[in-house]
C-alpha atoms as a PDB file:
ATOM      1  CA  MET A   1      34.988 -28.286 105.840  1.00  0.00           C
ATOM      2  CA  LEU A   2      31.693 -29.433 104.330  1.00  0.00           C
ATOM      3  CA  LYS A   3      30.688 -31.146 107.577  1.00  0.00           C
ATOM      4  CA  ILE A   4      31.305 -27.971 109.572  1.00  0.00           C
ATOM      5  CA  LEU A   5      29.239 -25.938 107.119  1.00  0.00           C
ATOM      6  CA  ALA A   6      26.391 -28.470 107.312  1.00  0.00           C
ATOM      7  CA  VAL A   7      26.400 -28.346 111.130  1.00  0.00           C
ATOM      8  CA  ILE A   8      26.329 -24.549 111.104  1.00  0.00           C
ATOM      9  CA  LEU A   9      23.393 -24.525 108.675  1.00  0.00           C
ATOM     10  CA  VAL A  10      21.430 -27.041 110.721  1.00  0.00           C
ATOM     11  CA  LEU A  11      22.006 -25.180 113.964  1.00  0.00           C
ATOM     12  CA  ALA A  12      21.196 -21.808 112.423  1.00  0.00           C
ATOM     13  CA  CYS A  13      17.796 -22.901 111.078  1.00  0.00           C
ATOM     14  CA  PRO A  14      14.810 -22.338 113.355  1.00  0.00           C
ATOM     15  CA  VAL A  15      13.133 -25.491 114.632  1.00  0.00           C
ATOM     16  CA  PRO A  16       9.427 -25.650 113.719  1.00  0.00           C
ATOM     17  CA  THR A  17       7.554 -26.360 116.965  1.00  0.00           C
ATOM     18  CA  ARG A  18       4.521 -27.817 115.245  1.00  0.00           C
ATOM     19  CA  GLU A  19       6.627 -30.830 114.287  1.00  0.00           C
ATOM     20  CA  PHE A  20       6.951 -31.851 117.926  1.00  0.00           C
ATOM     21  CA  GLY A  21       3.264 -31.669 118.837  1.00  0.00           C
ATOM     22  CA  ILE A  22       2.670 -31.626 122.580  1.00  0.00           C
ATOM     23  CA  TYR A  23       5.223 -30.932 125.281  1.00  0.00           C
ATOM     24  CA  ILE A  24       5.428 -33.147 128.344  1.00  0.00           C
ATOM     25  CA  THR A  25       5.446 -30.671 131.211  1.00  0.00           C
ATOM     26  CA  GLU A  26       6.378 -33.018 134.059  1.00  0.00           C
ATOM     27  CA  THR A  27       8.089 -36.367 134.500  1.00  0.00           C
ATOM     28  CA  PRO A  28       5.506 -39.092 133.810  1.00  0.00           C
ATOM     29  CA  LYS A  29       5.009 -41.811 136.402  1.00  0.00           C
ATOM     30  CA  VAL A  30       4.541 -44.288 133.543  1.00  0.00           C
ATOM     31  CA  SER A  31       7.404 -43.983 131.065  1.00  0.00           C
ATOM     32  CA  LEU A  32       7.180 -44.912 127.406  1.00  0.00           C
ATOM     33  CA  GLU A  33       9.186 -48.083 128.078  1.00  0.00           C
ATOM     34  CA  GLN A  34       6.675 -49.117 130.758  1.00  0.00           C
ATOM     35  CA  ALA A  35       3.659 -48.122 128.663  1.00  0.00           C
ATOM     36  CA  LEU A  36       4.486 -50.248 125.601  1.00  0.00           C
ATOM     37  CA  PRO A  37       3.874 -53.678 127.216  1.00  0.00           C
ATOM     38  CA  ILE A  38       0.762 -52.330 128.963  1.00  0.00           C
ATOM     39  CA  ALA A  39      -0.610 -51.088 125.633  1.00  0.00           C
ATOM     40  CA  ALA A  40       0.277 -54.325 123.837  1.00  0.00           C
ATOM     41  CA  ARG A  41      -1.568 -56.420 126.443  1.00  0.00           C
ATOM     42  CA  ALA A  42      -4.624 -54.143 126.290  1.00  0.00           C
ATOM     43  CA  ALA A  43      -4.702 -54.194 122.479  1.00  0.00           C
ATOM     44  CA  HIS A  44      -4.273 -57.975 122.348  1.00  0.00           C
ATOM     45  CA  ALA A  45      -7.118 -58.426 124.857  1.00  0.00           C
ATOM     46  CA  GLU A  46      -9.413 -56.325 122.676  1.00  0.00           C
ATOM     47  CA  VAL A  47      -8.254 -57.624 119.267  1.00  0.00           C
ATOM     48  CA  PRO A  48      -7.310 -61.334 119.231  1.00  0.00           C
ATOM     49  CA  ASP A  49      -5.748 -61.125 115.734  1.00  0.00           C
ATOM     50  CA  LEU A  50      -3.273 -58.384 116.737  1.00  0.00           C
ATOM     51  CA  ASP A  51      -0.535 -60.382 114.966  1.00  0.00           C
ATOM     52  CA  ASN A  52      -2.014 -59.047 111.707  1.00  0.00           C
ATOM     53  CA  PHE A  53      -1.403 -55.469 112.866  1.00  0.00           C
ATOM     54  CA  VAL A  54       1.707 -53.277 112.923  1.00  0.00           C
ATOM     55  CA  LEU A  55       2.507 -50.586 115.474  1.00  0.00           C
ATOM     56  CA  HIS A  56       2.040 -47.450 113.401  1.00  0.00           C
ATOM     57  CA  SER A  57       2.792 -44.625 115.843  1.00  0.00           C
ATOM     58  CA  VAL A  58       3.288 -43.594 119.449  1.00  0.00           C
ATOM     59  CA  LYS A  59       2.936 -40.054 120.742  1.00  0.00           C
ATOM     60  CA  PRO A  60       2.142 -38.185 123.949  1.00  0.00           C
ATOM     61  CA  ARG A  61      -1.324 -36.638 123.969  1.00  0.00           C
ATOM     62  CA  ALA A  62      -3.667 -34.681 126.187  1.00  0.00           C
ATOM     63  CA  LEU A  63      -7.295 -34.484 125.117  1.00  0.00           C
ATOM     64  CA  LYS A  64      -9.667 -31.756 126.234  1.00  0.00           C
ATOM     65  CA  ASN A  65     -12.137 -32.829 128.922  1.00  0.00           C
ATOM     66  CA  ASP A  66     -10.226 -36.079 129.502  1.00  0.00           C
ATOM     67  CA  LYS A  67      -9.978 -36.434 133.271  1.00  0.00           C
ATOM     68  CA  GLY A  68      -7.126 -38.932 132.889  1.00  0.00           C
ATOM     69  CA  GLY A  69      -4.821 -36.180 131.664  1.00  0.00           C
ATOM     70  CA  MET A  70      -1.715 -36.798 129.590  1.00  0.00           C
ATOM     71  CA  HIS A  71      -1.300 -40.211 128.048  1.00  0.00           C
ATOM     72  CA  TRP A  72       0.770 -42.194 125.576  1.00  0.00           C
ATOM     73  CA  GLU A  73      -1.282 -42.929 122.468  1.00  0.00           C
ATOM     74  CA  PHE A  74      -0.399 -46.112 120.570  1.00  0.00           C
ATOM     75  CA  LEU A  75      -1.874 -46.784 117.131  1.00  0.00           C
ATOM     76  CA  TRP A  76      -1.863 -50.234 115.574  1.00  0.00           C
ATOM     77  CA  GLN A  77      -2.899 -50.541 111.919  1.00  0.00           C
ATOM     78  CA  GLU A  78      -3.984 -53.725 110.183  1.00  0.00           C
ATOM     79  CA  LEU A  79      -1.377 -54.744 107.620  1.00  0.00           C
ATOM     80  CA  GLN A  80      -3.626 -56.085 104.892  1.00  0.00           C
ATOM     81  CA  PHE A  81      -6.834 -54.313 104.079  1.00  0.00           C
ATOM     82  CA  LYS A  82      -8.870 -54.367 100.884  1.00  0.00           C
ATOM     83  CA  THR A  83     -11.458 -51.624 101.164  1.00  0.00           C
ATOM     84  CA  HIS A  84     -11.196 -50.133 104.658  1.00  0.00           C
ATOM     85  CA  MET A  85      -8.356 -49.518 107.077  1.00  0.00           C
ATOM     86  CA  ARG A  86      -8.812 -51.124 110.470  1.00  0.00           C
ATOM     87  CA  GLY A  87      -6.945 -50.043 113.568  1.00  0.00           C
ATOM     88  CA  VAL A  88      -6.701 -49.987 117.336  1.00  0.00           C
ATOM     89  CA  ILE A  89      -5.859 -46.973 119.482  1.00  0.00           C
ATOM     90  CA  VAL A  90      -4.671 -47.607 123.030  1.00  0.00           C
ATOM     91  CA  ARG A  91      -4.200 -44.795 125.523  1.00  0.00           C
ATOM     92  CA  VAL A  92      -1.953 -45.459 128.516  1.00  0.00           C
ATOM     93  CA  TYR A  93      -2.275 -42.672 131.055  1.00  0.00           C
ATOM     94  CA  MET A  94       1.014 -41.288 132.357  1.00  0.00           C
ATOM     95  CA  LYS A  95      -0.055 -40.786 135.947  1.00  0.00           C
ATOM     96  CA  ASP A  96      -1.428 -44.246 136.783  1.00  0.00           C
ATOM     97  CA  GLY A  97      -1.043 -46.610 133.803  1.00  0.00           C
ATOM     98  CA  ALA A  98      -4.788 -46.942 133.211  1.00  0.00           C
ATOM     99  CA  THR A  99      -5.771 -47.844 129.648  1.00  0.00           C
ATOM    100  CA  ALA A 100      -8.521 -46.987 127.177  1.00  0.00           C
ATOM    101  CA  VAL A 101      -8.887 -49.001 123.966  1.00  0.00           C
ATOM    102  CA  THR A 102     -10.727 -47.852 120.840  1.00  0.00           C
ATOM    103  CA  GLN A 103     -11.122 -49.782 117.596  1.00  0.00           C
ATOM    104  CA  PHE A 104     -11.812 -47.997 114.326  1.00  0.00           C
ATOM    105  CA  ARG A 105     -12.527 -48.762 110.701  1.00  0.00           C
ATOM    106  CA  GLU A 106     -12.156 -46.190 107.916  1.00  0.00           C
END
């Protein structure tokens, strides 16, 4: 009985759309499963000590004025940091698999 009540409550609650972020409007030519090894190779080429980093997040994105269009954005964060966080952002574009790598330090 409690399980049925819990299911009814979950289904009755509205889903906040801001939690999901961006919607993928068409089937990507480069899936998330294909994009992960591409992003890992690109990040490792840019940052030789990538073994000291952890994959923090992955999400679909579309930036304004980005001619590449929708992409998968991978964020690696350095595990041990003392004063500043260090990270690598890799974008793998959904239409052709092209990559863009950006390093940052906060």
